[in-house]
Structure formats: structure tokens, C-alpha cells
Amino acid sequence: MKVLIACEFSGTVRDAFSKQGHDAWSCDLLPTEKLGQHYQGDVLNILDENWDLMIAHPPCIHLAVSGARWFKHKQVEQAAAIEFFMALANAPIPKIAIENPISIMSTRWRKPDQIIQPWMFGHGETKATCLWLKNLPLLKPTNVVDGREQRIWKMPPSANRARLRSLTYQGIADAMADQYI
């Protein structure tokens, strides 16, 4: 299967699919952090390259409800973020999963098909993650664990905070590679 992991620089989800034998590519404006097939550039330029599956992680900075108090000051940026999200949702790809936190897309477009947590996939943390799905099943938990810590939410300000908050947990990446076939 030809798989596009949109807006991923870490290579985590890409590598999970590659290990399963898929022709998996990550794409981001940033270079990849791990060696592997990676297109550095605008994902909108490669959406029509006959992908079978896309898992997209669009930036959430202007969409997540955790930043709602700043929405009135960034209406232009928010409109652009919604347009980008919808371009991914409407891509000519048969199977699509779009991942984002609790966001305005639930009211601007539609409610997510599923909300997952890292603790459902082997990581003792909380981080509500919405999945909007097209022709894909709901993810089944693979390793429910105790220890529901809010590590991501409690991260102090730093130069790397946004990067660290955006990383996909390995257990979720592996579940996607196992179940989204």
C-alpha cells in the first residue's frame, strides 16, 4: 500500500507503516528527524500522487480549543488553518485519517469519528486525540495501561514545546499500521 503521512517530521508513523512492508512517505515543511522516505515541502503539492492511505497531522495551533482565548486575535490564521485541514479531508485519497486535538473542526466541519488516548495504546498518559476517518475502522485499543498522567498539558514553555507536543506516541503509530490496512 502507498501511504502518505502528512505533516510528520518525526518519521514515527511512517516507520511503523514501513516496518509492515508498505511504501510509506512522511511529508513536512521540516526535514525528517529519522532517515527514511520523506518529502520536504508542502503536502498539498503531492496529494494527487495515487496514495492509498493518508494519515494527516495538520498543525493545531489555530484550531485547538485549548487556545480559544486567542481566537479573536488570529481570525486570518484560523481561516487558513481550516482551509488547510479541509484540503486534507477532501484529498483524492481512498482512505484518510486526520488527527488533531479537541478543536473547532468539530463545529466547523463535523464531530470526529473517534477520540483516543495514549493510555489505550501502552502509554500511561492523557492526551485526547480526535480522529476524523474516511473508509477506515475505529482504532481498537491495543494495550490499556494505568497511570493517567497529564504530561503533555503540564509541559513548561520552551523552544521545543510545540515539537514535543506534536509527536505521535509509538503505540498509536503501531496500532494505525496494524489496523489501517
N, C-alpha and C. Protein backbone atom coordinates (compact mmCIF):
# COMPACT_ATOMS: atom_id res chain seq x y z
N MET A 1 0.84 -1.16 0.00
CA MET A 1 0.00 0.00 0.00
C MET A 1 0.90 1.24 0.00
N LYS A 2 0.50 2.26 -0.72
CA LYS A 2 1.24 3.52 -0.79
C LYS A 2 0.63 4.48 0.23
N VAL A 3 1.43 4.84 1.25
CA VAL A 3 0.93 5.56 2.41
C VAL A 3 1.63 6.91 2.54
N LEU A 4 0.84 7.96 2.73
CA LEU A 4 1.35 9.31 2.97
C LEU A 4 1.04 9.70 4.41
N ILE A 5 2.08 10.10 5.12
CA ILE A 5 1.92 10.62 6.47
C ILE A 5 2.16 12.13 6.37
N ALA A 6 1.08 12.87 6.33
CA ALA A 6 1.15 14.32 6.11
C ALA A 6 1.45 15.06 7.41
N CYS A 7 2.31 16.04 7.29
CA CYS A 7 2.67 16.91 8.43
C CYS A 7 3.35 16.11 9.53
N GLU A 8 4.30 15.28 9.14
CA GLU A 8 5.08 14.50 10.11
C GLU A 8 6.56 14.65 9.79
N PHE A 9 7.31 15.16 10.75
CA PHE A 9 8.76 15.28 10.61
C PHE A 9 9.49 14.22 11.41
N SER A 10 8.82 13.61 12.38
CA SER A 10 9.48 12.65 13.27
C SER A 10 9.75 11.31 12.61
N GLY A 11 8.92 10.92 11.65
CA GLY A 11 9.07 9.62 10.99
C GLY A 11 8.46 8.47 11.77
N THR A 12 7.83 8.74 12.90
CA THR A 12 7.29 7.68 13.76
C THR A 12 6.20 6.87 13.06
N VAL A 13 5.20 7.54 12.53
CA VAL A 13 4.10 6.83 11.87
C VAL A 13 4.58 6.23 10.55
N ARG A 14 5.37 7.00 9.81
CA ARG A 14 5.94 6.49 8.55
C ARG A 14 6.68 5.19 8.78
N ASP A 15 7.54 5.16 9.79
CA ASP A 15 8.35 3.97 10.05
C ASP A 15 7.49 2.78 10.50
N ALA A 16 6.40 3.05 11.24
CA ALA A 16 5.51 1.96 11.65
C ALA A 16 4.91 1.28 10.42
N PHE A 17 4.52 2.07 9.42
CA PHE A 17 3.98 1.50 8.19
C PHE A 17 5.07 0.84 7.35
N SER A 18 6.25 1.44 7.30
CA SER A 18 7.37 0.84 6.54
C SER A 18 7.72 -0.53 7.09
N LYS A 19 7.70 -0.68 8.42
CA LYS A 19 8.01 -1.97 9.05
C LYS A 19 7.00 -3.04 8.66
N GLN A 20 5.80 -2.62 8.28
CA GLN A 20 4.76 -3.55 7.85
C GLN A 20 4.87 -3.86 6.35
N GLY A 21 5.88 -3.28 5.68
CA GLY A 21 6.11 -3.55 4.27
C GLY A 21 5.44 -2.57 3.31
N HIS A 22 4.89 -1.49 3.81
CA HIS A 22 4.21 -0.51 2.96
C HIS A 22 5.21 0.51 2.39
N ASP A 23 4.87 1.09 1.27
CA ASP A 23 5.63 2.17 0.67
C ASP A 23 5.17 3.46 1.35
N ALA A 24 5.77 3.76 2.49
CA ALA A 24 5.32 4.87 3.34
C ALA A 24 6.24 6.07 3.21
N TRP A 25 5.62 7.24 3.11
CA TRP A 25 6.33 8.51 2.99
C TRP A 25 5.80 9.49 4.02
N SER A 26 6.71 10.17 4.69
CA SER A 26 6.30 11.30 5.52
C SER A 26 6.48 12.57 4.70
N CYS A 27 5.78 13.61 5.09
CA CYS A 27 5.87 14.89 4.40
C CYS A 27 5.72 16.00 5.42
N ASP A 28 6.60 16.97 5.35
CA ASP A 28 6.50 18.12 6.24
C ASP A 28 7.33 19.25 5.66
N LEU A 29 7.08 20.45 6.11
CA LEU A 29 7.91 21.59 5.72
C LEU A 29 9.30 21.47 6.34
N LEU A 30 9.39 20.73 7.45
CA LEU A 30 10.66 20.49 8.13
C LEU A 30 11.32 19.23 7.60
N PRO A 31 12.63 19.13 7.71
CA PRO A 31 13.29 17.87 7.35
C PRO A 31 12.91 16.78 8.34
N THR A 32 13.03 15.53 7.92
CA THR A 32 12.72 14.42 8.81
C THR A 32 13.79 14.27 9.88
N GLU A 33 13.39 13.78 11.04
CA GLU A 33 14.35 13.55 12.13
C GLU A 33 15.01 12.18 12.02
N LYS A 34 14.41 11.28 11.25
CA LYS A 34 14.96 9.93 11.08
C LYS A 34 15.11 9.66 9.60
N LEU A 35 16.14 8.91 9.24
CA LEU A 35 16.29 8.54 7.84
C LEU A 35 15.09 7.74 7.38
N GLY A 36 14.66 8.00 6.18
CA GLY A 36 13.51 7.32 5.61
C GLY A 36 12.95 8.15 4.48
N GLN A 37 11.94 7.61 3.83
CA GLN A 37 11.34 8.30 2.70
C GLN A 37 10.58 9.52 3.21
N HIS A 38 11.02 10.70 2.77
CA HIS A 38 10.44 11.94 3.28
C HIS A 38 10.44 12.98 2.17
N TYR A 39 9.31 13.62 2.00
CA TYR A 39 9.18 14.75 1.07
C TYR A 39 9.16 16.01 1.91
N GLN A 40 10.18 16.86 1.75
CA GLN A 40 10.20 18.11 2.48
C GLN A 40 9.58 19.17 1.59
N GLY A 41 8.42 19.63 1.99
CA GLY A 41 7.70 20.63 1.21
C GLY A 41 6.23 20.63 1.58
N ASP A 42 5.45 21.32 0.78
CA ASP A 42 4.01 21.47 1.02
C ASP A 42 3.28 20.20 0.59
N VAL A 43 2.58 19.57 1.51
CA VAL A 43 1.87 18.33 1.23
C VAL A 43 0.80 18.53 0.15
N LEU A 44 0.26 19.73 0.03
CA LEU A 44 -0.76 19.98 -0.97
C LEU A 44 -0.24 19.74 -2.38
N ASN A 45 1.07 19.81 -2.57
CA ASN A 45 1.68 19.58 -3.89
C ASN A 45 1.75 18.12 -4.28
N ILE A 46 1.53 17.21 -3.33
CA ILE A 46 1.68 15.77 -3.64
C ILE A 46 0.44 14.95 -3.33
N LEU A 47 -0.67 15.59 -3.04
CA LEU A 47 -1.88 14.85 -2.67
C LEU A 47 -2.44 14.00 -3.80
N ASP A 48 -2.15 14.35 -5.04
CA ASP A 48 -2.73 13.62 -6.18
C ASP A 48 -1.78 12.59 -6.78
N GLU A 49 -0.88 12.04 -5.97
CA GLU A 49 0.09 11.07 -6.47
C GLU A 49 -0.30 9.62 -6.17
N ASN A 50 -1.57 9.31 -6.30
CA ASN A 50 -2.10 7.94 -6.20
C ASN A 50 -1.78 7.25 -4.87
N TRP A 51 -2.01 7.96 -3.79
CA TRP A 51 -1.86 7.37 -2.47
C TRP A 51 -3.06 6.47 -2.18
N ASP A 52 -2.83 5.40 -1.43
CA ASP A 52 -3.91 4.52 -0.98
C ASP A 52 -4.46 4.97 0.37
N LEU A 53 -3.59 5.56 1.18
CA LEU A 53 -3.94 5.95 2.54
C LEU A 53 -3.16 7.20 2.91
N MET A 54 -3.83 8.11 3.59
CA MET A 54 -3.14 9.27 4.16
C MET A 54 -3.53 9.38 5.63
N ILE A 55 -2.52 9.53 6.47
CA ILE A 55 -2.73 9.89 7.86
C ILE A 55 -2.15 11.29 7.99
N ALA A 56 -3.00 12.24 8.34
CA ALA A 56 -2.59 13.65 8.38
C ALA A 56 -2.60 14.18 9.79
N HIS A 57 -1.59 14.98 10.09
CA HIS A 57 -1.43 15.62 11.39
C HIS A 57 -1.34 17.13 11.18
N PRO A 58 -2.41 17.78 10.71
CA PRO A 58 -2.30 19.21 10.42
C PRO A 58 -1.99 20.01 11.70
N PRO A 59 -1.24 21.09 11.55
CA PRO A 59 -0.93 21.92 12.73
C PRO A 59 -2.21 22.34 13.44
N CYS A 60 -2.17 22.29 14.77
CA CYS A 60 -3.38 22.56 15.55
C CYS A 60 -3.35 23.91 16.25
N ILE A 61 -2.28 24.66 16.09
CA ILE A 61 -2.10 25.89 16.86
C ILE A 61 -3.27 26.87 16.72
N HIS A 62 -3.90 26.92 15.56
CA HIS A 62 -5.00 27.84 15.34
C HIS A 62 -6.37 27.14 15.38
N LEU A 63 -6.37 25.84 15.70
CA LEU A 63 -7.61 25.06 15.71
C LEU A 63 -8.00 24.52 17.09
N ALA A 64 -7.02 24.17 17.90
CA ALA A 64 -7.28 23.52 19.18
C ALA A 64 -8.05 24.43 20.13
N VAL A 65 -9.07 23.90 20.77
CA VAL A 65 -9.87 24.71 21.69
C VAL A 65 -9.07 25.12 22.93
N SER A 66 -7.96 24.48 23.18
CA SER A 66 -7.12 24.90 24.30
C SER A 66 -6.60 26.33 24.10
N GLY A 67 -6.59 26.80 22.86
CA GLY A 67 -6.17 28.17 22.57
C GLY A 67 -7.32 29.11 22.27
N ALA A 68 -8.52 28.76 22.69
CA ALA A 68 -9.71 29.53 22.33
C ALA A 68 -9.64 31.00 22.77
N ARG A 69 -8.96 31.27 23.86
CA ARG A 69 -8.91 32.67 24.33
C ARG A 69 -8.16 33.58 23.36
N TRP A 70 -7.39 33.01 22.43
CA TRP A 70 -6.67 33.82 21.45
C TRP A 70 -7.34 33.85 20.08
N PHE A 71 -8.44 33.11 19.91
CA PHE A 71 -9.10 33.02 18.60
C PHE A 71 -9.45 34.39 18.01
N LYS A 72 -9.93 35.30 18.82
CA LYS A 72 -10.36 36.59 18.29
C LYS A 72 -9.21 37.40 17.69
N HIS A 73 -7.98 37.07 18.08
CA HIS A 73 -6.81 37.80 17.60
C HIS A 73 -6.14 37.12 16.39
N LYS A 74 -6.63 35.97 16.00
CA LYS A 74 -5.99 35.25 14.90
C LYS A 74 -7.01 34.67 13.92
N GLN A 75 -7.96 35.47 13.54
CA GLN A 75 -9.01 35.00 12.64
C GLN A 75 -8.47 34.66 11.25
N VAL A 76 -7.51 35.42 10.75
CA VAL A 76 -6.93 35.14 9.43
C VAL A 76 -6.17 33.82 9.46
N GLU A 77 -5.36 33.63 10.51
CA GLU A 77 -4.60 32.39 10.65
C GLU A 77 -5.54 31.20 10.83
N GLN A 78 -6.60 31.40 11.58
CA GLN A 78 -7.55 30.32 11.81
C GLN A 78 -8.27 29.93 10.51
N ALA A 79 -8.65 30.91 9.72
CA ALA A 79 -9.30 30.63 8.43
C ALA A 79 -8.36 29.82 7.54
N ALA A 80 -7.08 30.17 7.52
CA ALA A 80 -6.10 29.43 6.72
C ALA A 80 -5.93 28.00 7.25
N ALA A 81 -5.94 27.84 8.57
CA ALA A 81 -5.80 26.50 9.16
C ALA A 81 -7.00 25.63 8.83
N ILE A 82 -8.19 26.21 8.86
CA ILE A 82 -9.40 25.46 8.49
C ILE A 82 -9.34 25.06 7.02
N GLU A 83 -8.93 25.96 6.17
CA GLU A 83 -8.82 25.68 4.73
C GLU A 83 -7.83 24.54 4.48
N PHE A 84 -6.69 24.56 5.17
CA PHE A 84 -5.69 23.51 5.02
C PHE A 84 -6.25 22.16 5.50
N PHE A 85 -6.88 22.16 6.66
CA PHE A 85 -7.49 20.94 7.21
C PHE A 85 -8.47 20.35 6.20
N MET A 86 -9.32 21.19 5.65
CA MET A 86 -10.34 20.72 4.70
C MET A 86 -9.72 20.25 3.38
N ALA A 87 -8.62 20.86 2.96
CA ALA A 87 -7.92 20.37 1.76
C ALA A 87 -7.43 18.94 1.98
N LEU A 88 -6.95 18.66 3.18
CA LEU A 88 -6.54 17.30 3.51
C LEU A 88 -7.74 16.36 3.57
N ALA A 89 -8.82 16.81 4.20
CA ALA A 89 -10.02 15.98 4.32
C ALA A 89 -10.63 15.65 2.96
N ASN A 90 -10.50 16.56 2.01
CA ASN A 90 -11.08 16.37 0.68
C ASN A 90 -10.08 15.87 -0.36
N ALA A 91 -8.93 15.42 0.09
CA ALA A 91 -7.90 14.93 -0.83
C ALA A 91 -8.41 13.72 -1.61
N PRO A 92 -7.92 13.54 -2.84
CA PRO A 92 -8.36 12.40 -3.66
C PRO A 92 -7.65 11.10 -3.27
N ILE A 93 -7.84 10.71 -2.03
CA ILE A 93 -7.19 9.53 -1.47
C ILE A 93 -8.29 8.65 -0.88
N PRO A 94 -8.32 7.35 -1.20
CA PRO A 94 -9.43 6.49 -0.76
C PRO A 94 -9.60 6.36 0.76
N LYS A 95 -8.50 6.29 1.50
CA LYS A 95 -8.57 6.13 2.95
C LYS A 95 -7.82 7.28 3.60
N ILE A 96 -8.49 7.95 4.55
CA ILE A 96 -7.89 9.10 5.21
C ILE A 96 -8.19 9.06 6.70
N ALA A 97 -7.16 9.37 7.49
CA ALA A 97 -7.32 9.64 8.92
C ALA A 97 -6.68 10.99 9.19
N ILE A 98 -7.45 11.89 9.79
CA ILE A 98 -6.90 13.19 10.18
C ILE A 98 -6.91 13.24 11.70
N GLU A 99 -5.76 13.55 12.26
CA GLU A 99 -5.55 13.55 13.70
C GLU A 99 -5.38 15.00 14.17
N ASN A 100 -6.06 15.36 15.24
CA ASN A 100 -5.94 16.69 15.85
C ASN A 100 -6.50 16.60 17.27
N PRO A 101 -6.11 17.53 18.13
CA PRO A 101 -6.73 17.54 19.45
C PRO A 101 -8.18 18.02 19.37
N ILE A 102 -8.84 18.12 20.49
CA ILE A 102 -10.19 18.68 20.53
C ILE A 102 -10.09 20.06 19.89
N SER A 103 -10.88 20.29 18.85
CA SER A 103 -10.69 21.52 18.08
C SER A 103 -12.01 22.06 17.54
N ILE A 104 -11.91 23.21 16.92
CA ILE A 104 -13.08 23.84 16.33
C ILE A 104 -13.59 23.09 15.12
N MET A 105 -12.83 22.12 14.62
CA MET A 105 -13.27 21.36 13.45
C MET A 105 -14.52 20.53 13.78
N SER A 106 -14.74 20.27 15.06
CA SER A 106 -15.95 19.55 15.47
C SER A 106 -17.21 20.34 15.17
N THR A 107 -17.10 21.67 15.17
CA THR A 107 -18.25 22.52 14.85
C THR A 107 -18.15 23.12 13.45
N ARG A 108 -16.95 23.36 12.99
CA ARG A 108 -16.78 23.96 11.67
C ARG A 108 -16.99 22.94 10.55
N TRP A 109 -16.74 21.67 10.83
CA TRP A 109 -16.93 20.63 9.82
C TRP A 109 -17.87 19.56 10.37
N ARG A 110 -17.33 18.66 11.19
CA ARG A 110 -18.15 17.62 11.81
C ARG A 110 -17.42 17.07 13.02
N LYS A 111 -18.15 16.38 13.85
CA LYS A 111 -17.53 15.77 15.02
C LYS A 111 -16.57 14.67 14.57
N PRO A 112 -15.52 14.40 15.34
CA PRO A 112 -14.61 13.33 14.97
C PRO A 112 -15.29 11.98 15.06
N ASP A 113 -14.78 11.02 14.34
CA ASP A 113 -15.31 9.66 14.41
C ASP A 113 -14.90 8.96 15.69
N GLN A 114 -13.76 9.39 16.25
CA GLN A 114 -13.23 8.70 17.42
C GLN A 114 -12.32 9.65 18.19
N ILE A 115 -12.29 9.49 19.50
CA ILE A 115 -11.32 10.18 20.35
C ILE A 115 -10.54 9.10 21.08
N ILE A 116 -9.23 9.13 20.91
CA ILE A 116 -8.37 8.13 21.53
C ILE A 116 -7.46 8.81 22.56
N GLN A 117 -6.85 7.99 23.40
CA GLN A 117 -5.92 8.45 24.43
C GLN A 117 -4.67 7.58 24.37
N PRO A 118 -3.49 8.13 24.69
CA PRO A 118 -2.27 7.32 24.70
C PRO A 118 -2.35 6.11 25.62
N TRP A 119 -3.07 6.23 26.76
CA TRP A 119 -3.15 5.11 27.70
C TRP A 119 -3.88 3.90 27.11
N MET A 120 -4.55 4.08 25.99
CA MET A 120 -5.22 2.96 25.32
C MET A 120 -4.24 2.14 24.48
N PHE A 121 -3.01 2.69 24.31
CA PHE A 121 -2.03 2.08 23.41
C PHE A 121 -0.66 1.94 24.07
N GLY A 122 -0.66 1.75 25.41
CA GLY A 122 0.58 1.43 26.10
C GLY A 122 1.33 2.58 26.73
N HIS A 123 0.77 3.78 26.71
CA HIS A 123 1.46 4.95 27.29
C HIS A 123 0.59 5.51 28.41
N GLY A 124 1.13 5.58 29.61
CA GLY A 124 0.36 6.00 30.78
C GLY A 124 0.13 7.49 30.87
N GLU A 125 -0.41 8.06 29.84
CA GLU A 125 -0.63 9.50 29.79
C GLU A 125 -2.00 9.80 29.18
N THR A 126 -2.45 11.03 29.43
CA THR A 126 -3.67 11.50 28.79
C THR A 126 -3.32 12.55 27.74
N LYS A 127 -3.97 12.48 26.63
CA LYS A 127 -3.86 13.47 25.56
C LYS A 127 -4.98 13.13 24.57
N ALA A 128 -6.14 13.73 24.78
CA ALA A 128 -7.28 13.43 23.92
C ALA A 128 -6.93 13.76 22.48
N THR A 129 -7.05 12.77 21.62
CA THR A 129 -6.70 12.92 20.21
C THR A 129 -7.90 12.50 19.38
N CYS A 130 -8.39 13.44 18.57
CA CYS A 130 -9.53 13.18 17.70
C CYS A 130 -9.06 12.58 16.39
N LEU A 131 -9.86 11.68 15.85
CA LEU A 131 -9.61 11.09 14.54
C LEU A 131 -10.85 11.28 13.67
N TRP A 132 -10.67 11.94 12.54
CA TRP A 132 -11.71 12.05 11.52
C TRP A 132 -11.32 11.03 10.46
N LEU A 133 -12.20 10.08 10.18
CA LEU A 133 -11.87 8.93 9.34
C LEU A 133 -12.69 8.90 8.05
N LYS A 134 -12.05 8.43 7.00
CA LYS A 134 -12.71 8.16 5.72
C LYS A 134 -12.32 6.75 5.30
N ASN A 135 -13.29 5.87 5.23
CA ASN A 135 -13.08 4.47 4.81
C ASN A 135 -12.07 3.72 5.67
N LEU A 136 -12.03 4.04 6.95
CA LEU A 136 -11.13 3.36 7.89
C LEU A 136 -11.92 2.96 9.13
N PRO A 137 -11.50 1.87 9.79
CA PRO A 137 -12.19 1.46 11.01
C PRO A 137 -11.75 2.31 12.20
N LEU A 138 -12.53 2.26 13.26
CA LEU A 138 -12.10 2.87 14.51
C LEU A 138 -10.89 2.10 15.02
N LEU A 139 -9.94 2.80 15.62
CA LEU A 139 -8.78 2.11 16.20
C LEU A 139 -9.20 1.36 17.45
N LYS A 140 -8.79 0.12 17.54
CA LYS A 140 -9.06 -0.69 18.73
C LYS A 140 -7.88 -0.53 19.69
N PRO A 141 -8.16 -0.31 20.97
CA PRO A 141 -7.06 -0.24 21.95
C PRO A 141 -6.22 -1.50 21.90
N THR A 142 -4.91 -1.33 22.07
CA THR A 142 -4.00 -2.47 21.98
C THR A 142 -3.34 -2.82 23.31
N ASN A 143 -3.28 -1.85 24.23
CA ASN A 143 -2.60 -2.10 25.50
C ASN A 143 -3.04 -1.03 26.50
N VAL A 144 -4.18 -1.24 27.12
CA VAL A 144 -4.71 -0.28 28.09
C VAL A 144 -3.86 -0.35 29.36
N VAL A 145 -3.33 0.80 29.77
CA VAL A 145 -2.46 0.85 30.94
C VAL A 145 -2.99 1.85 31.96
N ASP A 146 -2.54 1.67 33.21
CA ASP A 146 -2.86 2.62 34.27
C ASP A 146 -1.89 3.79 34.20
N GLY A 147 -2.09 4.76 35.08
CA GLY A 147 -1.17 5.88 35.15
C GLY A 147 -1.55 6.99 34.19
N ARG A 148 -2.67 7.59 34.41
CA ARG A 148 -3.19 8.60 33.51
C ARG A 148 -2.62 9.98 33.84
N GLU A 149 -1.37 10.22 33.49
CA GLU A 149 -0.69 11.48 33.77
C GLU A 149 -0.92 12.49 32.65
N GLN A 150 -1.06 13.76 32.99
CA GLN A 150 -1.24 14.82 32.00
C GLN A 150 0.10 15.47 31.66
N ARG A 151 1.06 14.68 31.26
CA ARG A 151 2.42 15.17 31.00
C ARG A 151 2.44 16.22 29.89
N ILE A 152 1.73 16.00 28.81
CA ILE A 152 1.74 16.93 27.67
C ILE A 152 1.18 18.29 28.09
N TRP A 153 0.07 18.28 28.77
CA TRP A 153 -0.59 19.51 29.19
C TRP A 153 0.29 20.30 30.16
N LYS A 154 1.07 19.60 30.99
CA LYS A 154 1.89 20.24 32.02
C LYS A 154 3.26 20.70 31.52
N MET A 155 3.57 20.50 30.26
CA MET A 155 4.89 20.90 29.75
C MET A 155 5.12 22.39 29.94
N PRO A 156 6.28 22.76 30.49
CA PRO A 156 6.57 24.18 30.65
C PRO A 156 6.94 24.81 29.30
N PRO A 157 6.85 26.12 29.21
CA PRO A 157 7.27 26.79 27.97
C PRO A 157 8.73 26.48 27.65
N SER A 158 9.00 26.26 26.37
CA SER A 158 10.38 26.03 25.92
C SER A 158 10.41 26.18 24.41
N ALA A 159 11.62 26.23 23.87
CA ALA A 159 11.78 26.34 22.42
C ALA A 159 11.27 25.10 21.71
N ASN A 160 11.29 23.94 22.37
CA ASN A 160 10.89 22.67 21.77
C ASN A 160 9.48 22.23 22.14
N ARG A 161 8.75 23.03 22.90
CA ARG A 161 7.45 22.61 23.42
C ARG A 161 6.47 22.19 22.31
N ALA A 162 6.31 22.99 21.29
CA ALA A 162 5.36 22.67 20.21
C ALA A 162 5.78 21.37 19.51
N ARG A 163 7.06 21.20 19.26
CA ARG A 163 7.57 20.00 18.60
C ARG A 163 7.28 18.76 19.47
N LEU A 164 7.58 18.85 20.75
CA LEU A 164 7.36 17.72 21.66
C LEU A 164 5.89 17.38 21.80
N ARG A 165 5.04 18.39 21.83
CA ARG A 165 3.60 18.16 21.97
C ARG A 165 3.00 17.51 20.71
N SER A 166 3.65 17.71 19.57
CA SER A 166 3.09 17.22 18.31
C SER A 166 3.47 15.77 17.99
N LEU A 167 4.39 15.21 18.72
CA LEU A 167 4.87 13.86 18.40
C LEU A 167 3.79 12.81 18.64
N THR A 168 3.73 11.84 17.74
CA THR A 168 2.79 10.73 17.86
C THR A 168 3.40 9.65 18.74
N TYR A 169 2.62 9.13 19.66
CA TYR A 169 3.09 8.05 20.52
C TYR A 169 3.29 6.79 19.68
N GLN A 170 4.36 6.05 19.97
CA GLN A 170 4.69 4.85 19.21
C GLN A 170 3.55 3.83 19.22
N GLY A 171 2.89 3.65 20.35
CA GLY A 171 1.79 2.69 20.43
C GLY A 171 0.64 3.04 19.49
N ILE A 172 0.36 4.33 19.34
CA ILE A 172 -0.70 4.76 18.42
C ILE A 172 -0.24 4.55 16.98
N ALA A 173 1.01 4.89 16.68
CA ALA A 173 1.54 4.67 15.33
C ALA A 173 1.49 3.19 14.96
N ASP A 174 1.89 2.32 15.88
CA ASP A 174 1.86 0.88 15.61
C ASP A 174 0.44 0.38 15.40
N ALA A 175 -0.51 0.88 16.20
CA ALA A 175 -1.92 0.47 16.04
C ALA A 175 -2.44 0.89 14.67
N MET A 176 -2.10 2.08 14.23
CA MET A 176 -2.53 2.54 12.90
C MET A 176 -1.96 1.63 11.82
N ALA A 177 -0.67 1.31 11.93
CA ALA A 177 -0.04 0.46 10.92
C ALA A 177 -0.63 -0.95 10.92
N ASP A 178 -1.03 -1.45 12.07
CA ASP A 178 -1.62 -2.79 12.16
C ASP A 178 -3.08 -2.82 11.71
N GLN A 179 -3.82 -1.74 11.99
CA GLN A 179 -5.27 -1.77 11.79
C GLN A 179 -5.77 -1.03 10.56
N TYR A 180 -5.00 -0.10 10.03
CA TYR A 180 -5.43 0.67 8.86
C TYR A 180 -4.87 0.06 7.57
N ILE A 181 -5.27 -1.15 7.28
CA ILE A 181 -4.76 -1.82 6.08
C ILE A 181 -5.88 -2.05 5.07
